[in-house]
Amino acid sequence: MKIEIELDEYISLRKSELKLGFLECGGVDNWSWYGDAVEPVGEPSLDDEIDELVSEIKKEYSSK
């Protein structure tokens, strides 16, 4: 399946991916507050947010 996005959005996504890679290589996932940032109390977890986003995207594009 292919989707189309604007070039500016693609560039922004690639920059974010690169930045995340640098942060992970720098050990950000070992920082004491990292778990609180991705699993905030009383809020959906990062994994839950990602799963919901993927589900919405699949639903949107499977109907096309």
PDB file of N, CA and C in Angstrom:
ATOM      1  N   MET A   1       0.849  -1.171   0.000  1.00  0.00           N
ATOM      2  CA  MET A   1       0.000   0.000   0.000  1.00  0.00           C
ATOM      3  C   MET A   1       0.896   1.235   0.000  1.00  0.00           C
ATOM      4  N   LYS A   2       0.506   2.236  -0.743  1.00  0.00           N
ATOM      5  CA  LYS A   2       1.232   3.498  -0.778  1.00  0.00           C
ATOM      6  C   LYS A   2       0.295   4.611  -0.343  1.00  0.00           C
ATOM      7  N   ILE A   3       0.873   5.606   0.324  1.00  0.00           N
ATOM      8  CA  ILE A   3       0.132   6.821   0.644  1.00  0.00           C
ATOM      9  C   ILE A   3       0.965   8.001   0.174  1.00  0.00           C
ATOM     10  N   GLU A   4       0.315   9.100  -0.059  1.00  0.00           N
ATOM     11  CA  GLU A   4       1.023  10.295  -0.484  1.00  0.00           C
ATOM     12  C   GLU A   4       0.946  11.339   0.617  1.00  0.00           C
ATOM     13  N   ILE A   5       2.095  12.001   0.843  1.00  0.00           N
ATOM     14  CA  ILE A   5       2.139  13.109   1.797  1.00  0.00           C
ATOM     15  C   ILE A   5       2.912  14.253   1.156  1.00  0.00           C
ATOM     16  N   GLU A   6       2.739  15.420   1.696  1.00  0.00           N
ATOM     17  CA  GLU A   6       3.451  16.585   1.191  1.00  0.00           C
ATOM     18  C   GLU A   6       4.943  16.447   1.495  1.00  0.00           C
ATOM     19  N   LEU A   7       5.776  17.021   0.640  1.00  0.00           N
ATOM     20  CA  LEU A   7       7.220  16.950   0.814  1.00  0.00           C
ATOM     21  C   LEU A   7       7.656  17.526   2.159  1.00  0.00           C
ATOM     22  N   ASP A   8       7.061  18.644   2.569  1.00  0.00           N
ATOM     23  CA  ASP A   8       7.416  19.252   3.855  1.00  0.00           C
ATOM     24  C   ASP A   8       7.152  18.300   5.013  1.00  0.00           C
ATOM     25  N   GLU A   9       6.042  17.590   4.963  1.00  0.00           N
ATOM     26  CA  GLU A   9       5.719  16.633   6.024  1.00  0.00           C
ATOM     27  C   GLU A   9       6.706  15.467   6.007  1.00  0.00           C
ATOM     28  N   TYR A  10       7.049  14.988   4.816  1.00  0.00           N
ATOM     29  CA  TYR A  10       8.014  13.900   4.695  1.00  0.00           C
ATOM     30  C   TYR A  10       9.360  14.312   5.291  1.00  0.00           C
ATOM     31  N   ILE A  11       9.811  15.513   4.950  1.00  0.00           N
ATOM     32  CA  ILE A  11      11.079  16.014   5.477  1.00  0.00           C
ATOM     33  C   ILE A  11      11.022  16.110   7.001  1.00  0.00           C
ATOM     34  N   SER A  12       9.914  16.612   7.524  1.00  0.00           N
ATOM     35  CA  SER A  12       9.753  16.717   8.975  1.00  0.00           C
ATOM     36  C   SER A  12       9.803  15.341   9.638  1.00  0.00           C
ATOM     37  N   LEU A  13       9.157  14.359   9.033  1.00  0.00           N
ATOM     38  CA  LEU A  13       9.174  13.001   9.584  1.00  0.00           C
ATOM     39  C   LEU A  13      10.576  12.411   9.568  1.00  0.00           C
ATOM     40  N   ARG A  14      11.306  12.629   8.491  1.00  0.00           N
ATOM     41  CA  ARG A  14      12.665  12.106   8.403  1.00  0.00           C
ATOM     42  C   ARG A  14      13.582  12.775   9.413  1.00  0.00           C
ATOM     43  N   LYS A  15      13.408  14.095   9.618  1.00  0.00           N
ATOM     44  CA  LYS A  15      14.200  14.815  10.617  1.00  0.00           C
ATOM     45  C   LYS A  15      13.896  14.277  12.012  1.00  0.00           C
ATOM     46  N   SER A  16      12.623  14.026  12.292  1.00  0.00           N
ATOM     47  CA  SER A  16      12.234  13.487  13.596  1.00  0.00           C
ATOM     48  C   SER A  16      12.820  12.098  13.799  1.00  0.00           C
ATOM     49  N   GLU A  17      12.813  11.295  12.752  1.00  0.00           N
ATOM     50  CA  GLU A  17      13.380   9.950  12.828  1.00  0.00           C
ATOM     51  C   GLU A  17      14.877  10.016  13.122  1.00  0.00           C
ATOM     52  N   LEU A  18      15.574  10.903  12.450  1.00  0.00           N
ATOM     53  CA  LEU A  18      17.007  11.065  12.664  1.00  0.00           C
ATOM     54  C   LEU A  18      17.306  11.558  14.081  1.00  0.00           C
ATOM     55  N   LYS A  19      16.516  12.536  14.541  1.00  0.00           N
ATOM     56  CA  LYS A  19      16.696  13.073  15.895  1.00  0.00           C
ATOM     57  C   LYS A  19      16.471  11.981  16.936  1.00  0.00           C
ATOM     58  N   LEU A  20      15.425  11.180  16.763  1.00  0.00           N
ATOM     59  CA  LEU A  20      15.152  10.085  17.695  1.00  0.00           C
ATOM     60  C   LEU A  20      16.312   9.099  17.715  1.00  0.00           C
ATOM     61  N   GLY A  21      16.842   8.791  16.547  1.00  0.00           N
ATOM     62  CA  GLY A  21      17.986   7.888  16.474  1.00  0.00           C
ATOM     63  C   GLY A  21      19.181   8.412  17.259  1.00  0.00           C
ATOM     64  N   PHE A  22      19.466   9.707  17.106  1.00  0.00           N
ATOM     65  CA  PHE A  22      20.561  10.313  17.866  1.00  0.00           C
ATOM     66  C   PHE A  22      20.289  10.259  19.369  1.00  0.00           C
ATOM     67  N   LEU A  23      19.058  10.565  19.766  1.00  0.00           N
ATOM     68  CA  LEU A  23      18.721  10.531  21.190  1.00  0.00           C
ATOM     69  C   LEU A  23      18.862   9.130  21.772  1.00  0.00           C
ATOM     70  N   GLU A  24      18.380   8.127  21.028  1.00  0.00           N
ATOM     71  CA  GLU A  24      18.488   6.753  21.514  1.00  0.00           C
ATOM     72  C   GLU A  24      19.942   6.303  21.583  1.00  0.00           C
ATOM     73  N   CYS A  25      20.742   6.684  20.593  1.00  0.00           N
ATOM     74  CA  CYS A  25      22.173   6.349  20.639  1.00  0.00           C
ATOM     75  C   CYS A  25      22.868   7.046  21.805  1.00  0.00           C
ATOM     76  N   GLY A  26      22.351   8.211  22.190  1.00  0.00           N
ATOM     77  CA  GLY A  26      22.910   8.949  23.320  1.00  0.00           C
ATOM     78  C   GLY A  26      22.431   8.431  24.657  1.00  0.00           C
ATOM     79  N   GLY A  27      21.557   7.442  24.650  1.00  0.00           N
ATOM     80  CA  GLY A  27      21.110   6.816  25.889  1.00  0.00           C
ATOM     81  C   GLY A  27      19.905   7.454  26.538  1.00  0.00           C
ATOM     82  N   VAL A  28      19.138   8.258  25.782  1.00  0.00           N
ATOM     83  CA  VAL A  28      17.979   8.928  26.383  1.00  0.00           C
ATOM     84  C   VAL A  28      17.006   7.924  27.009  1.00  0.00           C
ATOM     85  N   ASP A  29      16.951   6.719  26.465  1.00  0.00           N
ATOM     86  CA  ASP A  29      16.030   5.724  27.012  1.00  0.00           C
ATOM     87  C   ASP A  29      16.490   5.180  28.360  1.00  0.00           C
ATOM     88  N   ASN A  30      17.672   5.574  28.807  1.00  0.00           N
ATOM     89  CA  ASN A  30      18.164   5.173  30.127  1.00  0.00           C
ATOM     90  C   ASN A  30      18.022   6.276  31.168  1.00  0.00           C
ATOM     91  N   TRP A  31      17.509   7.440  30.766  1.00  0.00           N
ATOM     92  CA  TRP A  31      17.345   8.544  31.702  1.00  0.00           C
ATOM     93  C   TRP A  31      16.257   8.189  32.709  1.00  0.00           C
ATOM     94  N   SER A  32      16.395   8.672  33.922  1.00  0.00           N
ATOM     95  CA  SER A  32      15.487   8.276  35.002  1.00  0.00           C
ATOM     96  C   SER A  32      14.040   8.652  34.727  1.00  0.00           C
ATOM     97  N   TRP A  33      13.777   9.721  34.007  1.00  0.00           N
ATOM     98  CA  TRP A  33      12.403  10.159  33.753  1.00  0.00           C
ATOM     99  C   TRP A  33      11.843   9.642  32.435  1.00  0.00           C
ATOM    100  N   TYR A  34      12.619   8.857  31.691  1.00  0.00           N
ATOM    101  CA  TYR A  34      12.192   8.405  30.368  1.00  0.00           C
ATOM    102  C   TYR A  34      10.866   7.638  30.440  1.00  0.00           C
ATOM    103  N   GLY A  35      10.760   6.743  31.392  1.00  0.00           N
ATOM    104  CA  GLY A  35       9.528   5.954  31.538  1.00  0.00           C
ATOM    105  C   GLY A  35       8.317   6.825  31.811  1.00  0.00           C
ATOM    106  N   ASP A  36       8.480   7.860  32.617  1.00  0.00           N
ATOM    107  CA  ASP A  36       7.377   8.778  32.897  1.00  0.00           C
ATOM    108  C   ASP A  36       6.952   9.531  31.640  1.00  0.00           C
ATOM    109  N   ALA A  37       7.908   9.826  30.770  1.00  0.00           N
ATOM    110  CA  ALA A  37       7.604  10.578  29.557  1.00  0.00           C
ATOM    111  C   ALA A  37       6.815   9.737  28.553  1.00  0.00           C
ATOM    112  N   VAL A  38       7.132   8.451  28.446  1.00  0.00           N
ATOM    113  CA  VAL A  38       6.437   7.602  27.473  1.00  0.00           C
ATOM    114  C   VAL A  38       5.266   6.837  28.081  1.00  0.00           C
ATOM    115  N   GLU A  39       5.163   6.828  29.393  1.00  0.00           N
ATOM    116  CA  GLU A  39       4.062   6.159  30.095  1.00  0.00           C
ATOM    117  C   GLU A  39       3.499   7.086  31.167  1.00  0.00           C
ATOM    118  N   PRO A  40       2.969   8.261  30.781  1.00  0.00           N
ATOM    119  CA  PRO A  40       2.483   9.203  31.799  1.00  0.00           C
ATOM    120  C   PRO A  40       1.290   8.649  32.581  1.00  0.00           C
ATOM    121  N   VAL A  41       1.300   8.897  33.875  1.00  0.00           N
ATOM    122  CA  VAL A  41       0.227   8.419  34.743  1.00  0.00           C
ATOM    123  C   VAL A  41      -1.082   9.088  34.357  1.00  0.00           C
ATOM    124  N   GLY A  42      -2.132   8.295  34.201  1.00  0.00           N
ATOM    125  CA  GLY A  42      -3.445   8.826  33.866  1.00  0.00           C
ATOM    126  C   GLY A  42      -3.623   9.187  32.402  1.00  0.00           C
ATOM    127  N   GLU A  43      -2.635   8.920  31.586  1.00  0.00           N
ATOM    128  CA  GLU A  43      -2.690   9.217  30.156  1.00  0.00           C
ATOM    129  C   GLU A  43      -2.425   7.931  29.374  1.00  0.00           C
ATOM    130  N   PRO A  44      -2.867   7.880  28.113  1.00  0.00           N
ATOM    131  CA  PRO A  44      -2.541   6.713  27.296  1.00  0.00           C
ATOM    132  C   PRO A  44      -1.028   6.585  27.108  1.00  0.00           C
ATOM    133  N   SER A  45      -0.531   5.361  27.055  1.00  0.00           N
ATOM    134  CA  SER A  45       0.899   5.148  26.870  1.00  0.00           C
ATOM    135  C   SER A  45       1.289   5.438  25.422  1.00  0.00           C
ATOM    136  N   LEU A  46       2.569   5.580  25.202  1.00  0.00           N
ATOM    137  CA  LEU A  46       3.081   5.797  23.852  1.00  0.00           C
ATOM    138  C   LEU A  46       2.657   4.647  22.945  1.00  0.00           C
ATOM    139  N   ASP A  47       2.788   3.417  23.433  1.00  0.00           N
ATOM    140  CA  ASP A  47       2.386   2.256  22.630  1.00  0.00           C
ATOM    141  C   ASP A  47       0.898   2.305  22.298  1.00  0.00           C
ATOM    142  N   ASP A  48       0.076   2.700  23.271  1.00  0.00           N
ATOM    143  CA  ASP A  48      -1.362   2.808  23.026  1.00  0.00           C
ATOM    144  C   ASP A  48      -1.654   3.865  21.968  1.00  0.00           C
ATOM    145  N   GLU A  49      -0.976   5.004  22.047  1.00  0.00           N
ATOM    146  CA  GLU A  49      -1.163   6.089  21.080  1.00  0.00           C
ATOM    147  C   GLU A  49      -0.744   5.638  19.685  1.00  0.00           C
ATOM    148  N   ILE A  50       0.376   4.934  19.592  1.00  0.00           N
ATOM    149  CA  ILE A  50       0.863   4.443  18.301  1.00  0.00           C
ATOM    150  C   ILE A  50      -0.111   3.423  17.731  1.00  0.00           C
ATOM    151  N   ASP A  51      -0.567   2.486  18.569  1.00  0.00           N
ATOM    152  CA  ASP A  51      -1.521   1.476  18.104  1.00  0.00           C
ATOM    153  C   ASP A  51      -2.803   2.118  17.589  1.00  0.00           C
ATOM    154  N   GLU A  52      -3.287   3.135  18.282  1.00  0.00           N
ATOM    155  CA  GLU A  52      -4.506   3.826  17.862  1.00  0.00           C
ATOM    156  C   GLU A  52      -4.288   4.543  16.529  1.00  0.00           C
ATOM    157  N   LEU A  53      -3.150   5.213  16.383  1.00  0.00           N
ATOM    158  CA  LEU A  53      -2.831   5.911  15.147  1.00  0.00           C
ATOM    159  C   LEU A  53      -2.755   4.939  13.976  1.00  0.00           C
ATOM    160  N   VAL A  54      -2.054   3.828  14.158  1.00  0.00           N
ATOM    161  CA  VAL A  54      -1.924   2.829  13.100  1.00  0.00           C
ATOM    162  C   VAL A  54      -3.293   2.264  12.730  1.00  0.00           C
ATOM    163  N   SER A  55      -4.114   2.001  13.726  1.00  0.00           N
ATOM    164  CA  SER A  55      -5.460   1.489  13.478  1.00  0.00           C
ATOM    165  C   SER A  55      -6.290   2.474  12.662  1.00  0.00           C
ATOM    166  N   GLU A  56      -6.214   3.749  13.011  1.00  0.00           N
ATOM    167  CA  GLU A  56      -6.957   4.778  12.273  1.00  0.00           C
ATOM    168  C   GLU A  56      -6.475   4.879  10.832  1.00  0.00           C
ATOM    169  N   ILE A  57      -5.167   4.824  10.639  1.00  0.00           N
ATOM    170  CA  ILE A  57      -4.608   4.916   9.289  1.00  0.00           C
ATOM    171  C   ILE A  57      -5.053   3.715   8.458  1.00  0.00           C
ATOM    172  N   LYS A  58      -4.959   2.521   9.029  1.00  0.00           N
ATOM    173  CA  LYS A  58      -5.367   1.317   8.296  1.00  0.00           C
ATOM    174  C   LYS A  58      -6.844   1.370   7.934  1.00  0.00           C
ATOM    175  N   LYS A  59      -7.672   1.835   8.888  1.00  0.00           N
ATOM    176  CA  LYS A  59      -9.103   1.938   8.640  1.00  0.00           C
ATOM    177  C   LYS A  59      -9.387   2.925   7.511  1.00  0.00           C
ATOM    178  N   GLU A  60      -8.718   4.061   7.553  1.00  0.00           N
ATOM    179  CA  GLU A  60      -8.920   5.103   6.546  1.00  0.00           C
ATOM    180  C   GLU A  60      -8.535   4.620   5.156  1.00  0.00           C
ATOM    181  N   TYR A  61      -7.397   3.950   5.048  1.00  0.00           N
ATOM    182  CA  TYR A  61      -6.896   3.563   3.739  1.00  0.00           C
ATOM    183  C   TYR A  61      -7.424   2.233   3.253  1.00  0.00           C
ATOM    184  N   SER A  62      -7.988   1.414   4.115  1.00  0.00           N
ATOM    185  CA  SER A  62      -8.575   0.153   3.655  1.00  0.00           C
ATOM    186  C   SER A  62      -9.931   0.393   2.998  1.00  0.00           C
ATOM    187  N   SER A  63     -10.549   1.540   3.305  1.00  0.00           N
ATOM    188  CA  SER A  63     -11.847   1.837   2.719  1.00  0.00           C
ATOM    189  C   SER A  63     -11.726   2.537   1.363  1.00  0.00           C
ATOM    190  N   LYS A  64     -10.490   2.832   0.946  1.00  0.00           N
ATOM    191  CA  LYS A  64     -10.284   3.531  -0.335  1.00  0.00           C
ATOM    192  C   LYS A  64     -10.017   2.573  -1.447  1.00  0.00           C
TER     193      LYS A  64
END
